[in-house]
Amino acid sequence: MKKNFYNVIGVMSGTSLDGVDLAHIQFEIKEEQWHFEIQEAETVAYSKDWVNQLKLAVDFSKENLEILNKNYTQLLSKIIVDFIEKHKIANLDAVCSHGHTILHQPQNGYTLQIGNLPEMAALTQQKVVCDFRIQDVQLGGQGAPLVPIGDQILFSNYDYCMNLGGFSNVSFEKNNQRIAFDISPVNTVLNFYANQLGLNYDDKGQISKTGKINPELLEALNSLDFYRKKHPKSLGFEFVKEIVLPIIESYAISIEDKMRTFTEHIALQTALALPIKKGNMLITGGGAYNEFLIGEIQNHLPEMEIVIPESKILEFKEALIFALLGVLKLRDEINTLSSVTGAKKDHSSGCIYL
């Protein structure tokens, strides 16, 4: 018999490389409705060495990726064990972990999230549910985005749910189906330029705000083929490294102007991506703290009510939803939607390690 209460940890590492998000979540099903409470939650920052390794890993050989995967699984396991001990968390049903995406090439039938090796269960002494993307790609899907089923189950009172992280993605209901897709790069690009100024990120968009829009660069970015593709569609860091950054770098303009132009690009593509330009939209992820970016999105969507939630949901929504994906996998229930990923069928994705 299936339980109505689950005590789990959700673990997420995003492409913006700010660290590992951990959230201790309690789920309860009451009258066929899912309810959640985020207990302890924190982000554990990566060391400079790990940030550099994860940035460069897209070019690693197969052998070096295997070494990295093993080392990262050990790192992630230690972070999880420390989190459990620090907060004295007991009686867990599972640790539900996304891992860290290194390669994402669904068009080639391939995606790699490191930190999902079976030994994680032994290292953490917990049941582990992880590796949620591979099965979907094997079924012909994009393997992304996976968060929309959580939007559907936990945040159905919003017309749109948008995450502004390394990339932006959105999910919404259309013709009684959940639709979702990646929109554009966000912090993968903005942080790249903030780093060049010796900063980890552009605090509240204060640097971008001082720049000027370069119309030719803006047009070049908006003309990229990806934006004309129909969903399902998803982005990986390869897109930024091989396509976006070389375009931006071909313009001899200041870093501030590059960041201002790219902020305008994000805002414009956000507005273009939404089929109906009014209603309410929940925005989460680190980009929600970029007040200048949020203001520019609002300028392009004047009839949209933008909702920024309280900090635990804002920062840990993805960890929360991967916790839910893990619970759905434990229940052998659908946690991946073909309407979102383009896979042959809805399915229950992920691996369970005892």
Protein backbone atom coordinates (compact mmCIF):
# COMPACT_ATOMS: atom_id res chain seq x y z
CA MET A 1 0.00 0.00 0.00
CA LYS A 2 1.27 3.47 -0.91
CA LYS A 3 2.04 5.90 1.91
CA ASN A 4 0.53 9.36 2.31
CA PHE A 5 3.58 10.93 4.00
CA TYR A 6 7.17 11.15 2.76
CA ASN A 7 10.27 12.54 4.43
CA VAL A 8 12.94 13.19 1.77
CA ILE A 9 15.86 15.38 0.74
CA GLY A 10 15.95 17.00 -2.70
CA VAL A 11 19.37 17.76 -4.18
CA MET A 12 20.03 19.96 -7.22
CA SER A 13 23.09 21.45 -8.90
CA GLY A 14 22.34 23.96 -11.65
CA THR A 15 24.27 25.17 -14.67
CA SER A 16 25.00 28.53 -13.01
CA LEU A 17 27.53 26.67 -10.77
CA ASP A 18 26.62 28.54 -7.59
CA GLY A 19 26.69 25.27 -5.62
CA VAL A 20 24.60 22.32 -4.48
CA ASP A 21 21.04 23.08 -3.31
CA LEU A 22 19.74 20.77 -0.58
CA ALA A 23 16.21 20.89 0.80
CA HIS A 24 14.66 18.68 3.46
CA ILE A 25 11.03 18.26 2.35
CA GLN A 26 8.00 16.66 3.92
CA PHE A 27 5.20 15.71 1.52
CA GLU A 28 1.70 14.72 2.54
CA ILE A 29 -1.28 13.67 0.46
CA LYS A 30 -4.59 14.92 1.91
CA GLU A 31 -7.86 14.38 0.04
CA GLU A 32 -5.89 13.46 -3.11
CA GLN A 33 -3.97 16.76 -3.01
CA TRP A 34 -0.20 16.99 -2.55
CA HIS A 35 1.05 19.35 0.17
CA PHE A 36 4.66 20.15 0.99
CA GLU A 37 6.68 21.83 3.67
CA ILE A 38 10.30 22.87 3.15
CA GLN A 39 12.15 22.25 6.39
CA GLU A 40 15.90 22.96 6.41
CA ALA A 41 17.43 24.16 3.16
CA GLU A 42 20.83 25.47 2.14
CA THR A 43 23.20 25.96 -0.77
CA VAL A 44 26.71 24.56 -0.38
CA ALA A 45 29.08 26.55 -2.59
CA TYR A 46 31.65 24.81 -4.80
CA SER A 47 35.35 25.44 -4.28
CA LYS A 48 37.11 27.39 -7.05
CA ASP A 49 38.75 24.15 -8.19
CA TRP A 50 35.39 22.42 -8.56
CA VAL A 51 33.88 25.39 -10.42
CA ASN A 52 36.78 25.24 -12.89
CA GLN A 53 36.48 21.46 -13.34
CA LEU A 54 32.73 21.66 -13.97
CA LYS A 55 33.19 24.53 -16.44
CA LEU A 56 35.86 22.65 -18.42
CA ALA A 57 34.25 19.20 -18.26
CA VAL A 58 32.28 19.75 -21.48
CA ASP A 59 35.63 19.16 -23.29
CA PHE A 60 36.83 16.21 -21.17
CA SER A 61 37.68 12.82 -22.70
CA LYS A 62 35.52 9.81 -21.86
CA GLU A 63 38.16 8.56 -19.39
CA ASN A 64 38.44 11.92 -17.64
CA LEU A 65 34.63 12.19 -17.42
CA GLU A 66 34.52 8.79 -15.67
CA ILE A 67 37.10 9.98 -13.12
CA LEU A 68 35.19 13.24 -12.65
CA ASN A 69 31.92 11.35 -12.18
CA LYS A 70 33.43 9.16 -9.46
CA ASN A 71 35.03 12.13 -7.66
CA TYR A 72 31.86 14.22 -7.93
CA THR A 73 29.72 11.37 -6.57
CA GLN A 74 32.02 11.26 -3.53
CA LEU A 75 31.84 15.06 -3.12
CA LEU A 76 28.05 15.10 -3.43
CA SER A 77 27.68 12.20 -0.98
CA LYS A 78 29.79 14.02 1.61
CA ILE A 79 27.74 17.22 1.16
CA ILE A 80 24.52 15.20 1.69
CA VAL A 81 25.88 13.36 4.77
CA ASP A 82 27.06 16.67 6.29
CA PHE A 83 23.61 18.20 5.67
CA ILE A 84 21.84 15.25 7.34
CA GLU A 85 24.19 15.37 10.36
CA LYS A 86 24.10 19.16 10.70
CA HIS A 87 20.30 19.25 10.83
CA LYS A 88 19.90 15.93 12.69
CA ILE A 89 17.54 14.60 10.01
CA ALA A 90 16.25 11.09 10.72
CA ASN A 91 13.90 8.50 9.20
CA LEU A 92 14.38 9.56 5.60
CA ASP A 93 12.46 7.74 2.89
CA ALA A 94 15.04 8.74 0.26
CA VAL A 95 17.57 11.23 -1.03
CA CYS A 96 16.36 12.43 -4.44
CA SER A 97 19.24 13.87 -6.44
CA HIS A 98 19.48 15.46 -9.87
CA GLY A 99 23.29 15.41 -10.09
CA HIS A 100 25.13 17.96 -12.26
CA THR A 101 24.63 18.20 -16.02
CA ILE A 102 27.88 18.09 -17.99
CA LEU A 103 26.66 17.15 -21.48
CA HIS A 104 23.15 17.51 -22.82
CA GLN A 105 22.76 16.41 -26.44
CA PRO A 106 19.27 14.89 -26.76
CA GLN A 107 19.47 15.29 -30.55
CA ASN A 108 22.29 12.69 -30.37
CA GLY A 109 20.43 10.52 -27.86
CA TYR A 110 22.83 11.48 -25.08
CA THR A 111 22.76 13.31 -21.75
CA LEU A 112 25.16 13.07 -18.80
CA GLN A 113 24.49 14.09 -15.22
CA ILE A 114 27.44 13.27 -12.96
CA GLY A 115 27.02 12.32 -9.30
CA ASN A 116 24.47 9.60 -9.97
CA LEU A 117 26.60 6.50 -9.47
CA PRO A 118 25.14 3.58 -7.46
CA GLU A 119 27.79 3.95 -4.73
CA MET A 120 26.03 7.10 -3.54
CA ALA A 121 23.59 4.88 -1.62
CA ALA A 122 26.46 3.21 0.27
CA LEU A 123 28.31 6.49 0.83
CA THR A 124 25.23 8.23 2.26
CA GLN A 125 23.71 5.14 3.90
CA GLN A 126 20.37 6.19 2.38
CA LYS A 127 18.01 5.03 -0.34
CA VAL A 128 18.83 7.21 -3.35
CA VAL A 129 16.60 8.11 -6.31
CA CYS A 130 18.52 9.82 -9.09
CA ASP A 131 19.45 10.03 -12.81
CA PHE A 132 16.07 11.31 -13.94
CA ARG A 133 16.98 12.35 -17.51
CA ILE A 134 18.53 9.33 -19.25
CA GLN A 135 15.40 7.21 -19.65
CA ASP A 136 13.50 10.09 -21.26
CA VAL A 137 16.26 10.62 -23.85
CA GLN A 138 16.22 6.86 -24.56
CA LEU A 139 12.47 7.22 -25.22
CA GLY A 140 13.18 9.91 -27.81
CA GLY A 141 12.60 12.87 -25.48
CA GLN A 142 14.66 15.94 -24.66
CA GLY A 143 15.29 14.73 -21.09
CA ALA A 144 14.26 18.26 -20.10
CA PRO A 145 12.69 20.18 -18.61
CA LEU A 146 11.63 17.82 -15.81
CA VAL A 147 10.30 20.41 -13.35
CA PRO A 148 6.89 20.97 -15.08
CA ILE A 149 5.14 17.98 -13.50
CA GLY A 150 6.00 19.56 -10.14
CA ASP A 151 4.57 22.87 -11.39
CA GLN A 152 1.39 21.01 -12.36
CA ILE A 153 1.07 19.17 -9.03
CA LEU A 154 2.30 21.83 -6.56
CA PHE A 155 1.86 25.24 -8.27
CA SER A 156 -1.25 24.88 -10.43
CA ASN A 157 -2.65 28.23 -9.17
CA TYR A 158 -0.22 30.09 -11.50
CA ASP A 159 -0.77 30.56 -15.24
CA TYR A 160 2.97 30.32 -15.82
CA CYS A 161 5.87 28.95 -13.78
CA MET A 162 9.24 30.30 -14.86
CA ASN A 163 12.70 29.47 -13.58
CA LEU A 164 15.53 31.93 -14.15
CA GLY A 165 18.73 29.98 -13.53
CA GLY A 166 21.64 29.15 -15.79
CA PHE A 167 18.91 28.99 -18.44
CA SER A 168 15.29 30.09 -18.30
CA ASN A 169 12.43 27.67 -18.72
CA VAL A 170 8.68 28.01 -18.50
CA SER A 171 5.73 25.68 -18.03
CA PHE A 172 1.99 26.18 -18.45
CA GLU A 173 -1.26 24.38 -19.30
CA LYS A 174 -2.48 24.40 -22.90
CA ASN A 175 -5.39 22.29 -24.18
CA ASN A 176 -5.34 20.26 -20.93
CA GLN A 177 -1.68 19.37 -21.39
CA ARG A 178 1.39 20.63 -19.59
CA ILE A 179 3.70 22.43 -22.03
CA ALA A 180 7.24 23.43 -21.09
CA PHE A 181 10.53 24.30 -22.72
CA ASP A 182 13.77 26.16 -22.26
CA ILE A 183 13.60 29.79 -23.38
CA SER A 184 17.14 31.18 -23.38
CA PRO A 185 20.44 31.28 -21.52
CA VAL A 186 20.38 33.56 -18.46
CA ASN A 187 23.01 33.32 -15.71
CA THR A 188 25.35 31.14 -17.79
CA VAL A 189 26.00 34.31 -19.83
CA LEU A 190 25.47 37.08 -17.26
CA ASN A 191 27.73 35.35 -14.70
CA PHE A 192 30.40 34.79 -17.38
CA TYR A 193 30.71 38.55 -17.83
CA ALA A 194 30.33 39.37 -14.13
CA ASN A 195 33.27 36.98 -13.53
CA GLN A 196 35.37 39.05 -15.94
CA LEU A 197 34.77 42.01 -13.62
CA GLY A 198 35.91 39.93 -10.62
CA LEU A 199 32.37 39.30 -9.35
CA ASN A 200 30.46 36.05 -8.88
CA TYR A 201 27.28 37.57 -10.32
CA ASP A 202 25.63 40.89 -11.19
CA ASP A 203 23.97 41.83 -7.89
CA LYS A 204 20.38 42.96 -8.61
CA GLY A 205 21.45 43.73 -12.20
CA GLN A 206 23.30 46.86 -11.13
CA ILE A 207 26.07 46.39 -13.72
CA SER A 208 23.73 45.54 -16.62
CA LYS A 209 21.70 48.61 -15.75
CA THR A 210 24.64 50.93 -16.49
CA GLY A 211 25.22 49.57 -20.02
CA LYS A 212 23.66 50.49 -23.36
CA ILE A 213 21.81 48.16 -25.73
CA ASN A 214 23.77 47.37 -28.89
CA PRO A 215 21.05 46.98 -31.57
CA GLU A 216 23.21 44.89 -33.95
CA LEU A 217 24.19 42.41 -31.22
CA LEU A 218 20.60 42.22 -30.01
CA GLU A 219 19.41 41.41 -33.52
CA ALA A 220 22.13 38.77 -33.97
CA LEU A 221 21.09 37.05 -30.72
CA ASN A 222 17.37 37.22 -31.50
CA SER A 223 18.03 35.70 -34.95
CA LEU A 224 19.41 32.42 -33.57
CA ASP A 225 17.70 29.31 -34.97
CA PHE A 226 16.83 27.97 -31.51
CA TYR A 227 14.21 30.68 -30.97
CA ARG A 228 12.32 29.65 -34.10
CA LYS A 229 12.13 25.99 -33.11
CA LYS A 230 8.86 24.59 -31.83
CA HIS A 231 8.77 22.94 -28.41
CA PRO A 232 9.80 20.50 -27.02
CA LYS A 233 13.26 22.04 -26.92
CA SER A 234 16.02 22.35 -24.37
CA LEU A 235 19.41 23.98 -23.98
CA GLY A 236 22.80 22.89 -22.65
CA PHE A 237 26.01 24.73 -21.85
CA GLU A 238 27.35 23.70 -25.28
CA PHE A 239 24.89 26.19 -26.84
CA VAL A 240 26.37 29.03 -24.78
CA LYS A 241 29.99 28.03 -25.32
CA GLU A 242 29.80 27.24 -29.04
CA ILE A 243 27.18 29.73 -30.27
CA VAL A 244 26.16 32.52 -27.88
CA LEU A 245 29.50 33.65 -26.42
CA PRO A 246 31.31 33.72 -29.81
CA ILE A 247 28.58 36.02 -31.16
CA ILE A 248 28.80 38.38 -28.19
CA GLU A 249 32.61 38.34 -28.27
CA SER A 250 32.61 39.39 -31.94
CA TYR A 251 31.38 42.84 -30.83
CA ALA A 252 34.02 45.29 -29.55
CA ILE A 253 31.84 46.82 -26.86
CA SER A 254 32.15 47.15 -23.07
CA ILE A 255 31.23 44.32 -20.70
CA GLU A 256 28.44 46.54 -19.33
CA ASP A 257 26.99 46.96 -22.84
CA LYS A 258 27.22 43.20 -23.45
CA MET A 259 25.36 42.51 -20.21
CA ARG A 260 22.74 45.19 -20.87
CA THR A 261 22.13 43.87 -24.38
CA PHE A 262 21.88 40.28 -23.16
CA THR A 263 19.46 41.28 -20.39
CA GLU A 264 17.23 42.87 -23.05
CA HIS A 265 17.54 39.67 -25.10
CA ILE A 266 16.39 37.52 -22.14
CA ALA A 267 13.42 39.81 -21.44
CA LEU A 268 12.33 39.93 -25.08
CA GLN A 269 12.60 36.16 -25.59
CA THR A 270 10.65 35.61 -22.35
CA ALA A 271 7.76 37.72 -23.66
CA LEU A 272 7.85 36.09 -27.10
CA ALA A 273 7.76 32.60 -25.55
CA LEU A 274 4.43 33.07 -23.76
CA PRO A 275 1.32 32.37 -25.87
CA ILE A 276 -0.92 34.63 -23.74
CA LYS A 277 0.72 37.77 -22.38
CA LYS A 278 -1.43 38.20 -19.27
CA GLY A 279 -2.35 36.31 -16.10
CA ASN A 280 0.08 35.54 -13.30
CA MET A 281 3.60 34.12 -13.47
CA LEU A 282 5.63 32.61 -10.64
CA ILE A 283 9.34 33.35 -11.08
CA THR A 284 11.97 31.40 -9.15
CA GLY A 285 15.70 30.72 -9.43
CA GLY A 286 18.69 32.97 -8.80
CA GLY A 287 17.68 35.30 -11.65
CA ALA A 288 14.60 36.35 -9.64
CA TYR A 289 16.98 38.42 -7.48
CA ASN A 290 18.08 40.36 -10.57
CA GLU A 291 15.72 43.30 -10.08
CA PHE A 292 16.78 44.98 -13.32
CA LEU A 293 16.06 41.81 -15.35
CA ILE A 294 12.67 41.34 -13.66
CA GLY A 295 11.85 44.97 -14.44
CA GLU A 296 12.74 44.49 -18.11
CA ILE A 297 10.58 41.34 -18.30
CA GLN A 298 7.72 43.32 -16.74
CA ASN A 299 8.24 46.08 -19.37
CA HIS A 300 7.76 43.51 -22.12
CA LEU A 301 4.77 41.93 -20.33
CA PRO A 302 2.86 44.92 -18.90
CA GLU A 303 -0.36 42.91 -18.28
CA MET A 304 1.36 40.03 -16.48
CA GLU A 305 1.34 39.84 -12.68
CA ILE A 306 4.85 38.70 -11.75
CA VAL A 307 5.01 36.84 -8.43
CA ILE A 308 8.34 36.37 -6.60
CA PRO A 309 7.73 33.88 -3.76
CA GLU A 310 9.30 33.69 -0.32
CA SER A 311 13.01 32.87 -0.31
CA LYS A 312 12.82 29.11 0.40
CA ILE A 313 10.60 28.49 -2.63
CA LEU A 314 12.49 31.03 -4.75
CA GLU A 315 15.87 29.43 -4.11
CA PHE A 316 14.96 25.78 -3.60
CA LYS A 317 12.01 25.14 -5.92
CA GLU A 318 14.06 22.87 -8.18
CA ALA A 319 15.38 20.86 -5.22
CA LEU A 320 11.77 20.66 -3.98
CA ILE A 321 10.53 19.34 -7.31
CA PHE A 322 13.33 16.81 -7.74
CA ALA A 323 12.35 15.58 -4.28
CA LEU A 324 8.82 15.15 -5.63
CA LEU A 325 10.10 13.37 -8.77
CA GLY A 326 11.91 10.94 -6.48
CA VAL A 327 8.79 10.30 -4.41
CA LEU A 328 6.72 9.71 -7.57
CA LYS A 329 9.39 7.23 -8.72
CA LEU A 330 9.18 5.42 -5.36
CA ARG A 331 5.41 5.21 -5.91
CA ASP A 332 5.98 3.99 -9.51
CA GLU A 333 3.89 6.92 -10.75
CA ILE A 334 4.44 9.14 -13.78
CA ASN A 335 7.05 11.82 -13.11
CA THR A 336 7.98 12.77 -16.69
CA LEU A 337 5.51 14.18 -19.21
CA SER A 338 5.81 13.38 -22.91
CA SER A 339 3.90 16.60 -23.72
CA VAL A 340 6.89 18.45 -22.24
CA THR A 341 9.89 16.39 -23.36
CA GLY A 342 8.64 14.88 -26.62
CA ALA A 343 9.26 11.30 -25.43
CA LYS A 344 7.21 8.42 -26.84
CA LYS A 345 5.11 8.22 -23.66
CA ASP A 346 4.66 9.54 -20.12
CA HIS A 347 6.81 7.50 -17.77
CA SER A 348 8.30 7.08 -14.31
CA SER A 349 11.94 8.05 -14.72
CA GLY A 350 14.99 7.64 -12.53
CA CYS A 351 17.07 4.96 -10.79
CA ILE A 352 16.57 3.70 -7.24
CA TYR A 353 19.67 2.58 -5.33
CA LEU A 354 19.22 0.80 -2.02
